[in-house]
Amino acid sequence: MTFVVTENCIKCKHGDCVPVCPADAFHEGPNFLVINPEECIDCGLCEPECPVNAIFQEDEVPEDQQVFIAINEELSTQWPVITEKCEPPADADDWADVDNKLLLLERE
């Protein structure tokens, strides 16, 4: 099993989850973080660190967020590994509770 980053991370990208990951499974894109399912060791340390509740165990991803399982798998092979907390965007808190952000996901 793996953990999955979901929609709430888009345009928030706080990065509190990154330094606690012992497997270096996080990858960083322009406005989103993903977890590589091949690297994740299912330790669960990242989930409680996320201030916007964007991380779920794969079998607990909400029905309307299932697409993010494939998105994490795909983009983790394209984006670089991140091992230290990134600087969140200045307006991250403004995006924390916004729904339907999938169209805002920047892939490059």
N, C-alpha and C. Protein backbone atom coordinates (compact mmCIF):
# COMPACT_ATOMS: atom_id res chain seq x y z
N MET A 1 0.85 -1.18 0.00
CA MET A 1 0.00 0.00 0.00
C MET A 1 0.90 1.24 0.00
N THR A 2 0.34 2.33 -0.43
CA THR A 2 1.09 3.58 -0.50
C THR A 2 0.20 4.73 -0.02
N PHE A 3 0.80 5.86 0.18
CA PHE A 3 0.05 7.06 0.49
C PHE A 3 -0.05 7.90 -0.78
N VAL A 4 -1.10 8.72 -0.86
CA VAL A 4 -1.42 9.48 -2.07
C VAL A 4 -1.68 10.93 -1.68
N VAL A 5 -1.10 11.85 -2.45
CA VAL A 5 -1.37 13.27 -2.28
C VAL A 5 -2.56 13.61 -3.18
N THR A 6 -3.55 14.31 -2.62
CA THR A 6 -4.77 14.61 -3.36
C THR A 6 -4.94 16.11 -3.61
N GLU A 7 -6.09 16.46 -4.12
CA GLU A 7 -6.39 17.79 -4.62
C GLU A 7 -6.08 18.96 -3.69
N ASN A 8 -6.26 18.79 -2.40
CA ASN A 8 -6.04 19.91 -1.47
C ASN A 8 -4.62 20.46 -1.54
N CYS A 9 -3.68 19.66 -2.02
CA CYS A 9 -2.29 20.12 -2.11
C CYS A 9 -2.07 21.10 -3.28
N ILE A 10 -2.92 21.04 -4.29
CA ILE A 10 -2.74 21.90 -5.46
C ILE A 10 -2.80 23.37 -5.02
N LYS A 11 -1.76 24.10 -5.38
CA LYS A 11 -1.59 25.52 -5.08
C LYS A 11 -1.36 25.79 -3.58
N CYS A 12 -1.25 24.75 -2.77
CA CYS A 12 -0.92 24.91 -1.34
C CYS A 12 0.53 24.50 -1.12
N LYS A 13 0.83 23.25 -1.39
CA LYS A 13 2.20 22.74 -1.38
C LYS A 13 3.01 23.21 -0.17
N HIS A 14 2.47 22.99 1.02
CA HIS A 14 3.15 23.43 2.24
C HIS A 14 4.47 22.69 2.47
N GLY A 15 4.52 21.40 2.17
CA GLY A 15 5.77 20.66 2.28
C GLY A 15 6.13 20.17 3.67
N ASP A 16 5.25 20.33 4.65
CA ASP A 16 5.54 19.84 6.00
C ASP A 16 5.73 18.32 6.01
N CYS A 17 5.14 17.65 5.05
CA CYS A 17 5.19 16.20 4.95
C CYS A 17 6.55 15.68 4.49
N VAL A 18 7.26 16.48 3.75
CA VAL A 18 8.50 16.03 3.09
C VAL A 18 9.61 15.63 4.06
N PRO A 19 9.99 16.46 5.02
CA PRO A 19 11.15 16.08 5.85
C PRO A 19 10.92 14.88 6.75
N VAL A 20 9.67 14.47 6.98
CA VAL A 20 9.43 13.31 7.85
C VAL A 20 9.46 12.00 7.07
N CYS A 21 9.54 12.06 5.75
CA CYS A 21 9.52 10.84 4.93
C CYS A 21 10.88 10.16 4.95
N PRO A 22 10.96 8.95 5.54
CA PRO A 22 12.24 8.25 5.60
C PRO A 22 12.65 7.61 4.28
N ALA A 23 11.71 7.56 3.33
CA ALA A 23 11.98 6.89 2.06
C ALA A 23 12.27 7.86 0.91
N ASP A 24 12.24 9.16 1.18
CA ASP A 24 12.44 10.16 0.13
C ASP A 24 11.51 9.90 -1.06
N ALA A 25 10.22 9.70 -0.75
CA ALA A 25 9.24 9.33 -1.77
C ALA A 25 8.51 10.52 -2.38
N PHE A 26 8.75 11.73 -1.87
CA PHE A 26 8.05 12.91 -2.40
C PHE A 26 8.77 13.48 -3.62
N HIS A 27 7.95 13.95 -4.56
CA HIS A 27 8.45 14.60 -5.76
C HIS A 27 7.71 15.92 -5.90
N GLU A 28 8.44 16.95 -6.38
CA GLU A 28 7.88 18.29 -6.43
C GLU A 28 7.65 18.77 -7.85
N GLY A 29 6.42 19.27 -8.06
CA GLY A 29 6.07 19.92 -9.31
C GLY A 29 5.86 21.40 -9.06
N PRO A 30 5.44 22.12 -10.09
CA PRO A 30 5.28 23.57 -9.96
C PRO A 30 4.33 24.02 -8.85
N ASN A 31 3.20 23.31 -8.67
CA ASN A 31 2.25 23.74 -7.64
C ASN A 31 1.60 22.56 -6.91
N PHE A 32 2.33 21.44 -6.82
CA PHE A 32 1.77 20.21 -6.26
C PHE A 32 2.91 19.28 -5.88
N LEU A 33 2.69 18.47 -4.87
CA LEU A 33 3.62 17.42 -4.49
C LEU A 33 2.97 16.07 -4.76
N VAL A 34 3.77 15.07 -5.08
CA VAL A 34 3.24 13.71 -5.26
C VAL A 34 4.14 12.73 -4.51
N ILE A 35 3.59 11.54 -4.29
CA ILE A 35 4.34 10.46 -3.65
C ILE A 35 4.52 9.35 -4.67
N ASN A 36 5.74 8.90 -4.81
CA ASN A 36 6.01 7.78 -5.71
C ASN A 36 5.60 6.49 -5.01
N PRO A 37 4.63 5.76 -5.58
CA PRO A 37 4.16 4.54 -4.92
C PRO A 37 5.21 3.44 -4.84
N GLU A 38 6.21 3.49 -5.71
CA GLU A 38 7.29 2.49 -5.67
C GLU A 38 8.29 2.79 -4.55
N GLU A 39 8.35 4.04 -4.13
CA GLU A 39 9.30 4.44 -3.09
C GLU A 39 8.67 4.50 -1.70
N CYS A 40 7.36 4.72 -1.65
CA CYS A 40 6.65 4.85 -0.37
C CYS A 40 6.71 3.53 0.40
N ILE A 41 7.05 3.61 1.69
CA ILE A 41 7.13 2.40 2.51
C ILE A 41 5.92 2.27 3.44
N ASP A 42 4.90 3.10 3.21
CA ASP A 42 3.64 3.00 3.95
C ASP A 42 3.81 3.20 5.45
N CYS A 43 4.71 4.10 5.83
CA CYS A 43 4.96 4.33 7.25
C CYS A 43 3.90 5.23 7.88
N GLY A 44 3.28 6.10 7.06
CA GLY A 44 2.22 6.97 7.56
C GLY A 44 2.68 8.23 8.26
N LEU A 45 3.97 8.50 8.28
CA LEU A 45 4.46 9.69 8.97
C LEU A 45 4.02 11.00 8.30
N CYS A 46 3.82 10.96 7.01
CA CYS A 46 3.49 12.18 6.26
C CYS A 46 2.05 12.64 6.48
N GLU A 47 1.14 11.72 6.61
CA GLU A 47 -0.29 12.05 6.67
C GLU A 47 -0.64 13.08 7.75
N PRO A 48 -0.23 12.89 9.01
CA PRO A 48 -0.61 13.87 10.03
C PRO A 48 0.12 15.21 9.90
N GLU A 49 1.18 15.26 9.12
CA GLU A 49 1.94 16.51 8.96
C GLU A 49 1.30 17.48 7.97
N CYS A 50 0.41 16.99 7.13
CA CYS A 50 -0.19 17.83 6.09
C CYS A 50 -1.23 18.78 6.70
N PRO A 51 -0.99 20.10 6.63
CA PRO A 51 -1.91 21.05 7.26
C PRO A 51 -3.24 21.20 6.51
N VAL A 52 -3.33 20.67 5.29
CA VAL A 52 -4.58 20.79 4.52
C VAL A 52 -5.25 19.43 4.29
N ASN A 53 -4.79 18.41 5.01
CA ASN A 53 -5.37 17.06 4.92
C ASN A 53 -5.47 16.55 3.49
N ALA A 54 -4.36 16.65 2.77
CA ALA A 54 -4.33 16.23 1.37
C ALA A 54 -3.76 14.83 1.17
N ILE A 55 -3.27 14.19 2.23
CA ILE A 55 -2.61 12.89 2.09
C ILE A 55 -3.48 11.80 2.71
N PHE A 56 -3.67 10.72 1.92
CA PHE A 56 -4.48 9.59 2.36
C PHE A 56 -3.77 8.29 2.02
N GLN A 57 -4.03 7.27 2.83
CA GLN A 57 -3.59 5.94 2.45
C GLN A 57 -4.39 5.54 1.22
N GLU A 58 -3.76 4.84 0.30
CA GLU A 58 -4.38 4.54 -0.99
C GLU A 58 -5.78 3.96 -0.88
N ASP A 59 -5.99 3.06 0.04
CA ASP A 59 -7.32 2.45 0.15
C ASP A 59 -8.33 3.32 0.90
N GLU A 60 -7.90 4.52 1.31
CA GLU A 60 -8.80 5.46 1.99
C GLU A 60 -8.99 6.76 1.22
N VAL A 61 -8.46 6.82 -0.01
CA VAL A 61 -8.63 8.01 -0.83
C VAL A 61 -10.12 8.17 -1.12
N PRO A 62 -10.69 9.35 -0.87
CA PRO A 62 -12.11 9.56 -1.12
C PRO A 62 -12.48 9.27 -2.58
N GLU A 63 -13.68 8.84 -2.78
CA GLU A 63 -14.15 8.46 -4.11
C GLU A 63 -13.89 9.55 -5.15
N ASP A 64 -14.17 10.79 -4.79
CA ASP A 64 -14.00 11.89 -5.75
C ASP A 64 -12.53 12.28 -5.96
N GLN A 65 -11.61 11.62 -5.28
CA GLN A 65 -10.18 11.91 -5.40
C GLN A 65 -9.38 10.75 -5.98
N GLN A 66 -10.06 9.69 -6.41
CA GLN A 66 -9.40 8.48 -6.90
C GLN A 66 -8.45 8.74 -8.06
N VAL A 67 -8.73 9.74 -8.88
CA VAL A 67 -7.88 10.07 -10.01
C VAL A 67 -6.45 10.41 -9.56
N PHE A 68 -6.30 10.85 -8.33
CA PHE A 68 -4.98 11.24 -7.83
C PHE A 68 -4.06 10.04 -7.57
N ILE A 69 -4.60 8.86 -7.49
CA ILE A 69 -3.74 7.67 -7.38
C ILE A 69 -2.88 7.57 -8.64
N ALA A 70 -3.51 7.68 -9.80
CA ALA A 70 -2.78 7.62 -11.07
C ALA A 70 -1.92 8.85 -11.28
N ILE A 71 -2.39 10.01 -10.85
CA ILE A 71 -1.61 11.24 -11.00
C ILE A 71 -0.31 11.16 -10.20
N ASN A 72 -0.36 10.66 -8.97
CA ASN A 72 0.85 10.50 -8.16
C ASN A 72 1.82 9.54 -8.85
N GLU A 73 1.30 8.44 -9.34
CA GLU A 73 2.14 7.45 -10.00
C GLU A 73 2.81 8.05 -11.25
N GLU A 74 2.03 8.73 -12.07
CA GLU A 74 2.55 9.31 -13.31
C GLU A 74 3.57 10.42 -13.06
N LEU A 75 3.19 11.42 -12.27
CA LEU A 75 4.04 12.59 -12.11
C LEU A 75 5.28 12.32 -11.26
N SER A 76 5.24 11.32 -10.40
CA SER A 76 6.43 11.00 -9.60
C SER A 76 7.57 10.47 -10.46
N THR A 77 7.26 10.00 -11.65
CA THR A 77 8.32 9.55 -12.55
C THR A 77 8.87 10.69 -13.39
N GLN A 78 8.20 11.84 -13.36
CA GLN A 78 8.60 12.99 -14.17
C GLN A 78 9.23 14.12 -13.35
N TRP A 79 8.83 14.24 -12.10
CA TRP A 79 9.28 15.36 -11.26
C TRP A 79 10.44 14.94 -10.38
N PRO A 80 11.28 15.89 -9.95
CA PRO A 80 12.43 15.56 -9.10
C PRO A 80 12.03 15.23 -7.66
N VAL A 81 12.86 14.41 -7.05
CA VAL A 81 12.70 14.07 -5.64
C VAL A 81 12.94 15.32 -4.81
N ILE A 82 12.19 15.44 -3.74
CA ILE A 82 12.37 16.54 -2.80
C ILE A 82 12.55 15.92 -1.41
N THR A 83 13.55 16.38 -0.66
CA THR A 83 13.82 15.79 0.65
C THR A 83 13.73 16.80 1.79
N GLU A 84 13.60 18.07 1.44
CA GLU A 84 13.48 19.12 2.46
C GLU A 84 12.19 19.90 2.24
N LYS A 85 11.70 20.48 3.31
CA LYS A 85 10.47 21.27 3.22
C LYS A 85 10.63 22.37 2.19
N CYS A 86 9.66 22.44 1.29
CA CYS A 86 9.69 23.50 0.28
C CYS A 86 8.99 24.75 0.83
N GLU A 87 9.21 25.84 0.17
CA GLU A 87 8.55 27.09 0.56
C GLU A 87 7.18 27.12 -0.10
N PRO A 88 6.11 27.17 0.69
CA PRO A 88 4.77 27.20 0.08
C PRO A 88 4.54 28.53 -0.65
N PRO A 89 3.67 28.53 -1.63
CA PRO A 89 3.34 29.79 -2.31
C PRO A 89 2.82 30.81 -1.30
N ALA A 90 3.02 32.08 -1.57
CA ALA A 90 2.59 33.14 -0.67
C ALA A 90 1.09 33.11 -0.40
N ASP A 91 0.32 32.65 -1.39
CA ASP A 91 -1.14 32.61 -1.24
C ASP A 91 -1.67 31.21 -0.92
N ALA A 92 -0.81 30.34 -0.40
CA ALA A 92 -1.21 28.96 -0.12
C ALA A 92 -2.45 28.85 0.76
N ASP A 93 -2.52 29.66 1.80
CA ASP A 93 -3.66 29.58 2.71
C ASP A 93 -4.97 29.97 2.03
N ASP A 94 -4.90 30.80 1.01
CA ASP A 94 -6.10 31.19 0.28
C ASP A 94 -6.70 30.02 -0.51
N TRP A 95 -5.85 29.05 -0.85
CA TRP A 95 -6.28 27.91 -1.66
C TRP A 95 -6.62 26.67 -0.84
N ALA A 96 -6.40 26.70 0.45
CA ALA A 96 -6.54 25.51 1.29
C ALA A 96 -7.91 24.86 1.22
N ASP A 97 -8.97 25.61 1.20
CA ASP A 97 -10.31 25.03 1.22
C ASP A 97 -11.06 25.18 -0.10
N VAL A 98 -10.35 25.44 -1.17
CA VAL A 98 -10.98 25.59 -2.48
C VAL A 98 -11.18 24.19 -3.08
N ASP A 99 -12.37 23.95 -3.60
CA ASP A 99 -12.68 22.67 -4.25
C ASP A 99 -12.42 22.75 -5.74
N ASN A 100 -12.37 21.59 -6.36
CA ASN A 100 -12.25 21.47 -7.82
C ASN A 100 -11.03 22.19 -8.38
N LYS A 101 -9.85 21.87 -7.83
CA LYS A 101 -8.61 22.50 -8.27
C LYS A 101 -7.84 21.67 -9.30
N LEU A 102 -8.36 20.53 -9.69
CA LEU A 102 -7.64 19.66 -10.60
C LEU A 102 -7.21 20.38 -11.88
N LEU A 103 -8.06 21.22 -12.43
CA LEU A 103 -7.72 21.95 -13.65
C LEU A 103 -6.58 22.95 -13.44
N LEU A 104 -6.27 23.26 -12.19
CA LEU A 104 -5.18 24.19 -11.87
C LEU A 104 -3.83 23.49 -11.69
N LEU A 105 -3.83 22.16 -11.74
CA LEU A 105 -2.60 21.39 -11.57
C LEU A 105 -1.65 21.69 -12.71
N GLU A 106 -0.46 22.19 -12.38
CA GLU A 106 0.58 22.47 -13.38
C GLU A 106 1.49 21.25 -13.46
N ARG A 107 1.59 20.68 -14.64
CA ARG A 107 2.40 19.47 -14.83
C ARG A 107 3.85 19.78 -15.22
N GLU A 108 4.13 20.98 -15.70
CA GLU A 108 5.50 21.34 -16.11
C GLU A 108 5.88 22.68 -15.53
